[in-house]
Amino acid sequence: MIFKHVTIALLASVAPFSLAQAQSAHEALLCEAAETNRVVEIVYHEDVSKGCLPRLLDVHQVAIGNNGQLYTHGWQTRGCTAGRDYASERIFRFDKIQSVEIIEGEFGEKSQSIKVDGWDGCIGSNCFINETICE
C-alpha cells in the first residue's frame, strides 16, 4: 500500500516537468519562426495515424493560454483535420505537437495581413490566451 502511494506521489511530481519539457522543446524553434516570418512543417497529434502529410503553418505568435499551456498561432496552408484542410487561421497546443521543422516558404498575402493586424488571443468569441511570448 505504501509503495502505491509513493508511486502516485512520484508520478504526480514528475508529470508537470514532463509537460514543461515537451512544451519547451518546440518553443525556441516556433519563436524563431514567428520572429522571422517563417513557415514550419508541424506533425500534430494523430496526423501520422491518419496518413496525413505534415501541416504547413505560417507562424505568427507563441503564447501562454489561460490554462498555463503553450500555444502557437498562425495561418495554416495545409492541414489534416476533416473540414479544415483549407487555408485558415489556426492555433495548436504545444503538448500535441510531435515535431516541428522550419522550411523554405513565404507568407501569403492573407497570412501577412493577419500577422500585421496582430492577434487578441481569440478565435471567434473563444478567448483563451493570457500572455504572448513572441511574435
C-alpha atoms as a PDB file:
ATOM      1  CA  MET A   1       0.000   0.000   0.000  1.00  0.00           C
ATOM      2  CA  ILE A   2       2.818   2.420   0.858  1.00  0.00           C
ATOM      3  CA  PHE A   3       4.523   1.590  -2.464  1.00  0.00           C
ATOM      4  CA  LYS A   4       1.329   2.561  -4.327  1.00  0.00           C
ATOM      5  CA  HIS A   5       1.201   5.952  -2.560  1.00  0.00           C
ATOM      6  CA  VAL A   6       4.890   6.596  -3.220  1.00  0.00           C
ATOM      7  CA  THR A   7       4.434   5.706  -6.893  1.00  0.00           C
ATOM      8  CA  ILE A   8       1.435   8.025  -7.250  1.00  0.00           C
ATOM      9  CA  ALA A   9       3.273  10.848  -5.467  1.00  0.00           C
ATOM     10  CA  LEU A  10       6.337  10.374  -7.666  1.00  0.00           C
ATOM     11  CA  LEU A  11       4.261  10.412 -10.854  1.00  0.00           C
ATOM     12  CA  ALA A  12       2.367  13.488  -9.699  1.00  0.00           C
ATOM     13  CA  SER A  13       5.622  15.330  -9.018  1.00  0.00           C
ATOM     14  CA  VAL A  14       7.230  14.357 -12.367  1.00  0.00           C
ATOM     15  CA  ALA A  15       4.216  14.927 -14.651  1.00  0.00           C
ATOM     16  CA  PRO A  16       4.379  18.759 -14.665  1.00  0.00           C
ATOM     17  CA  PHE A  17       8.078  18.658 -15.566  1.00  0.00           C
ATOM     18  CA  SER A  18       7.408  16.257 -18.450  1.00  0.00           C
ATOM     19  CA  LEU A  19       4.733  18.580 -19.842  1.00  0.00           C
ATOM     20  CA  ALA A  20       7.008  21.606 -19.457  1.00  0.00           C
ATOM     21  CA  GLN A  21       9.863  19.799 -21.213  1.00  0.00           C
ATOM     22  CA  ALA A  22       7.594  18.732 -24.065  1.00  0.00           C
ATOM     23  CA  GLN A  23       6.343  22.283 -24.432  1.00  0.00           C
ATOM     24  CA  SER A  24       9.759  23.930 -24.267  1.00  0.00           C
ATOM     25  CA  ALA A  25      11.201  21.518 -26.846  1.00  0.00           C
ATOM     26  CA  HIS A  26       9.380  23.437 -29.614  1.00  0.00           C
ATOM     27  CA  GLU A  27       9.247  26.933 -28.122  1.00  0.00           C
ATOM     28  CA  ALA A  28      12.613  28.221 -29.422  1.00  0.00           C
ATOM     29  CA  LEU A  29      12.036  26.990 -32.968  1.00  0.00           C
ATOM     30  CA  LEU A  30       8.464  28.307 -33.143  1.00  0.00           C
ATOM     31  CA  CYS A  31       9.535  31.676 -31.675  1.00  0.00           C
ATOM     32  CA  GLU A  32      12.318  31.885 -34.260  1.00  0.00           C
ATOM     33  CA  ALA A  33       9.748  31.198 -36.977  1.00  0.00           C
ATOM     34  CA  ALA A  34       7.332  33.807 -35.554  1.00  0.00           C
ATOM     35  CA  GLU A  35      10.014  36.481 -35.206  1.00  0.00           C
ATOM     36  CA  THR A  36      11.408  35.937 -38.725  1.00  0.00           C
ATOM     37  CA  ASN A  37       8.111  35.299 -40.592  1.00  0.00           C
ATOM     38  CA  ARG A  38       8.977  31.688 -41.403  1.00  0.00           C
ATOM     39  CA  VAL A  39       6.918  28.688 -42.402  1.00  0.00           C
ATOM     40  CA  VAL A  40       7.081  25.415 -40.471  1.00  0.00           C
ATOM     41  CA  GLU A  41       6.039  21.832 -41.006  1.00  0.00           C
ATOM     42  CA  ILE A  42       4.198  20.511 -37.949  1.00  0.00           C
ATOM     43  CA  VAL A  43       3.329  16.905 -37.230  1.00  0.00           C
ATOM     44  CA  TYR A  44       0.397  17.275 -34.880  1.00  0.00           C
ATOM     45  CA  HIS A  45      -1.390  14.871 -32.551  1.00  0.00           C
ATOM     46  CA  GLU A  46      -2.767  11.941 -34.575  1.00  0.00           C
ATOM     47  CA  ASP A  47      -1.772  13.147 -38.049  1.00  0.00           C
ATOM     48  CA  VAL A  48       0.603  10.226 -38.699  1.00  0.00           C
ATOM     49  CA  SER A  49      -2.023   7.610 -37.829  1.00  0.00           C
ATOM     50  CA  LYS A  50      -4.398   9.366 -40.254  1.00  0.00           C
ATOM     51  CA  GLY A  51      -1.796   9.152 -43.036  1.00  0.00           C
ATOM     52  CA  CYS A  52      -1.518  12.944 -43.371  1.00  0.00           C
ATOM     53  CA  LEU A  53       1.403  14.961 -44.649  1.00  0.00           C
ATOM     54  CA  PRO A  54       2.855  17.430 -42.117  1.00  0.00           C
ATOM     55  CA  ARG A  55       0.777  20.574 -41.672  1.00  0.00           C
ATOM     56  CA  LEU A  56       2.204  23.804 -43.075  1.00  0.00           C
ATOM     57  CA  LEU A  57       1.920  26.828 -40.819  1.00  0.00           C
ATOM     58  CA  ASP A  58       2.972  30.462 -41.159  1.00  0.00           C
ATOM     59  CA  VAL A  59       3.863  31.071 -37.504  1.00  0.00           C
ATOM     60  CA  HIS A  60       2.509  34.365 -36.133  1.00  0.00           C
ATOM     61  CA  GLN A  61       2.744  34.022 -32.335  1.00  0.00           C
ATOM     62  CA  VAL A  62       3.641  31.762 -29.444  1.00  0.00           C
ATOM     63  CA  ALA A  63       1.601  32.383 -26.306  1.00  0.00           C
ATOM     64  CA  ILE A  64       0.623  31.072 -22.892  1.00  0.00           C
ATOM     65  CA  GLY A  65      -3.039  30.138 -22.531  1.00  0.00           C
ATOM     66  CA  ASN A  66      -5.266  30.867 -19.564  1.00  0.00           C
ATOM     67  CA  ASN A  67      -4.749  27.202 -18.642  1.00  0.00           C
ATOM     68  CA  GLY A  68      -0.944  27.657 -18.446  1.00  0.00           C
ATOM     69  CA  GLN A  69      -0.229  25.666 -21.623  1.00  0.00           C
ATOM     70  CA  LEU A  70       1.779  26.938 -24.579  1.00  0.00           C
ATOM     71  CA  TYR A  71       0.111  27.538 -27.935  1.00  0.00           C
ATOM     72  CA  THR A  72       1.250  28.640 -31.362  1.00  0.00           C
ATOM     73  CA  HIS A  73      -0.989  30.692 -33.632  1.00  0.00           C
ATOM     74  CA  GLY A  74      -0.735  31.243 -37.345  1.00  0.00           C
ATOM     75  CA  TRP A  75      -2.072  30.670 -40.827  1.00  0.00           C
ATOM     76  CA  GLN A  76      -2.326  27.012 -41.868  1.00  0.00           C
ATOM     77  CA  THR A  77      -1.953  26.323 -45.588  1.00  0.00           C
ATOM     78  CA  ARG A  78      -2.018  22.503 -45.405  1.00  0.00           C
ATOM     79  CA  GLY A  79      -3.945  20.655 -42.742  1.00  0.00           C
ATOM     80  CA  CYS A  80      -5.133  17.229 -41.709  1.00  0.00           C
ATOM     81  CA  THR A  81      -8.375  17.863 -39.822  1.00  0.00           C
ATOM     82  CA  ALA A  82     -11.574  16.987 -41.653  1.00  0.00           C
ATOM     83  CA  GLY A  83     -13.168  20.203 -42.855  1.00  0.00           C
ATOM     84  CA  ARG A  84     -10.069  22.296 -42.102  1.00  0.00           C
ATOM     85  CA  ASP A  85      -7.704  21.257 -44.870  1.00  0.00           C
ATOM     86  CA  TYR A  86      -8.126  24.653 -46.466  1.00  0.00           C
ATOM     87  CA  ALA A  87      -6.123  27.774 -45.599  1.00  0.00           C
ATOM     88  CA  SER A  88      -7.307  29.081 -42.251  1.00  0.00           C
ATOM     89  CA  GLU A  89      -6.287  30.792 -39.032  1.00  0.00           C
ATOM     90  CA  ARG A  90      -5.379  28.097 -36.503  1.00  0.00           C
ATOM     91  CA  ILE A  91      -3.923  27.551 -33.053  1.00  0.00           C
ATOM     92  CA  PHE A  92      -2.022  24.482 -31.883  1.00  0.00           C
ATOM     93  CA  ARG A  93      -1.354  23.237 -28.349  1.00  0.00           C
ATOM     94  CA  PHE A  94       2.335  22.522 -27.782  1.00  0.00           C
ATOM     95  CA  ASP A  95       1.668  19.296 -25.897  1.00  0.00           C
ATOM     96  CA  LYS A  96       0.090  17.812 -29.044  1.00  0.00           C
ATOM     97  CA  ILE A  97       2.888  18.836 -31.422  1.00  0.00           C
ATOM     98  CA  GLN A  98       5.019  15.817 -32.309  1.00  0.00           C
ATOM     99  CA  SER A  99       7.661  17.610 -34.402  1.00  0.00           C
ATOM    100  CA  VAL A 100       8.452  20.994 -35.931  1.00  0.00           C
ATOM    101  CA  GLU A 101      10.785  21.919 -38.773  1.00  0.00           C
ATOM    102  CA  ILE A 102      11.374  25.340 -40.346  1.00  0.00           C
ATOM    103  CA  ILE A 103      11.091  25.048 -44.126  1.00  0.00           C
ATOM    104  CA  GLU A 104      11.526  27.311 -47.124  1.00  0.00           C
ATOM    105  CA  GLY A 105       8.421  29.300 -47.900  1.00  0.00           C
ATOM    106  CA  GLU A 106       6.836  32.714 -47.700  1.00  0.00           C
ATOM    107  CA  PHE A 107       3.707  34.008 -46.026  1.00  0.00           C
ATOM    108  CA  GLY A 108       0.836  34.513 -48.443  1.00  0.00           C
ATOM    109  CA  GLU A 109      -0.956  37.870 -48.675  1.00  0.00           C
ATOM    110  CA  LYS A 110      -3.814  36.837 -46.342  1.00  0.00           C
ATOM    111  CA  SER A 111      -1.372  35.473 -43.744  1.00  0.00           C
ATOM    112  CA  GLN A 112       0.733  38.648 -43.864  1.00  0.00           C
ATOM    113  CA  SER A 113      -2.301  40.872 -43.311  1.00  0.00           C
ATOM    114  CA  ILE A 114      -3.444  38.772 -40.316  1.00  0.00           C
ATOM    115  CA  LYS A 115       0.005  38.957 -38.729  1.00  0.00           C
ATOM    116  CA  VAL A 116       0.236  42.730 -39.275  1.00  0.00           C
ATOM    117  CA  ASP A 117      -3.172  43.195 -37.630  1.00  0.00           C
ATOM    118  CA  GLY A 118      -1.970  41.270 -34.568  1.00  0.00           C
ATOM    119  CA  TRP A 119      -3.951  38.763 -32.549  1.00  0.00           C
ATOM    120  CA  ASP A 120      -6.109  39.396 -29.492  1.00  0.00           C
ATOM    121  CA  GLY A 121      -5.970  35.792 -28.286  1.00  0.00           C
ATOM    122  CA  CYS A 122      -9.432  34.941 -29.586  1.00  0.00           C
ATOM    123  CA  ILE A 123     -10.819  32.810 -32.371  1.00  0.00           C
ATOM    124  CA  GLY A 124     -14.391  33.954 -32.781  1.00  0.00           C
ATOM    125  CA  SER A 125     -15.755  34.572 -29.306  1.00  0.00           C
ATOM    126  CA  ASN A 126     -13.414  31.992 -27.702  1.00  0.00           C
ATOM    127  CA  CYS A 127     -10.658  33.998 -25.962  1.00  0.00           C
ATOM    128  CA  PHE A 128      -8.123  31.957 -24.085  1.00  0.00           C
ATOM    129  CA  ILE A 129      -4.631  33.468 -24.444  1.00  0.00           C
ATOM    130  CA  ASN A 130      -3.149  35.018 -21.320  1.00  0.00           C
ATOM    131  CA  GLU A 131       0.253  36.261 -22.496  1.00  0.00           C
ATOM    132  CA  THR A 132       2.137  36.448 -25.800  1.00  0.00           C
ATOM    133  CA  ILE A 133       5.717  35.156 -25.582  1.00  0.00           C
ATOM    134  CA  CYS A 134       6.909  36.087 -29.078  1.00  0.00           C
ATOM    135  CA  GLU A 135       5.560  37.236 -32.416  1.00  0.00           C
END
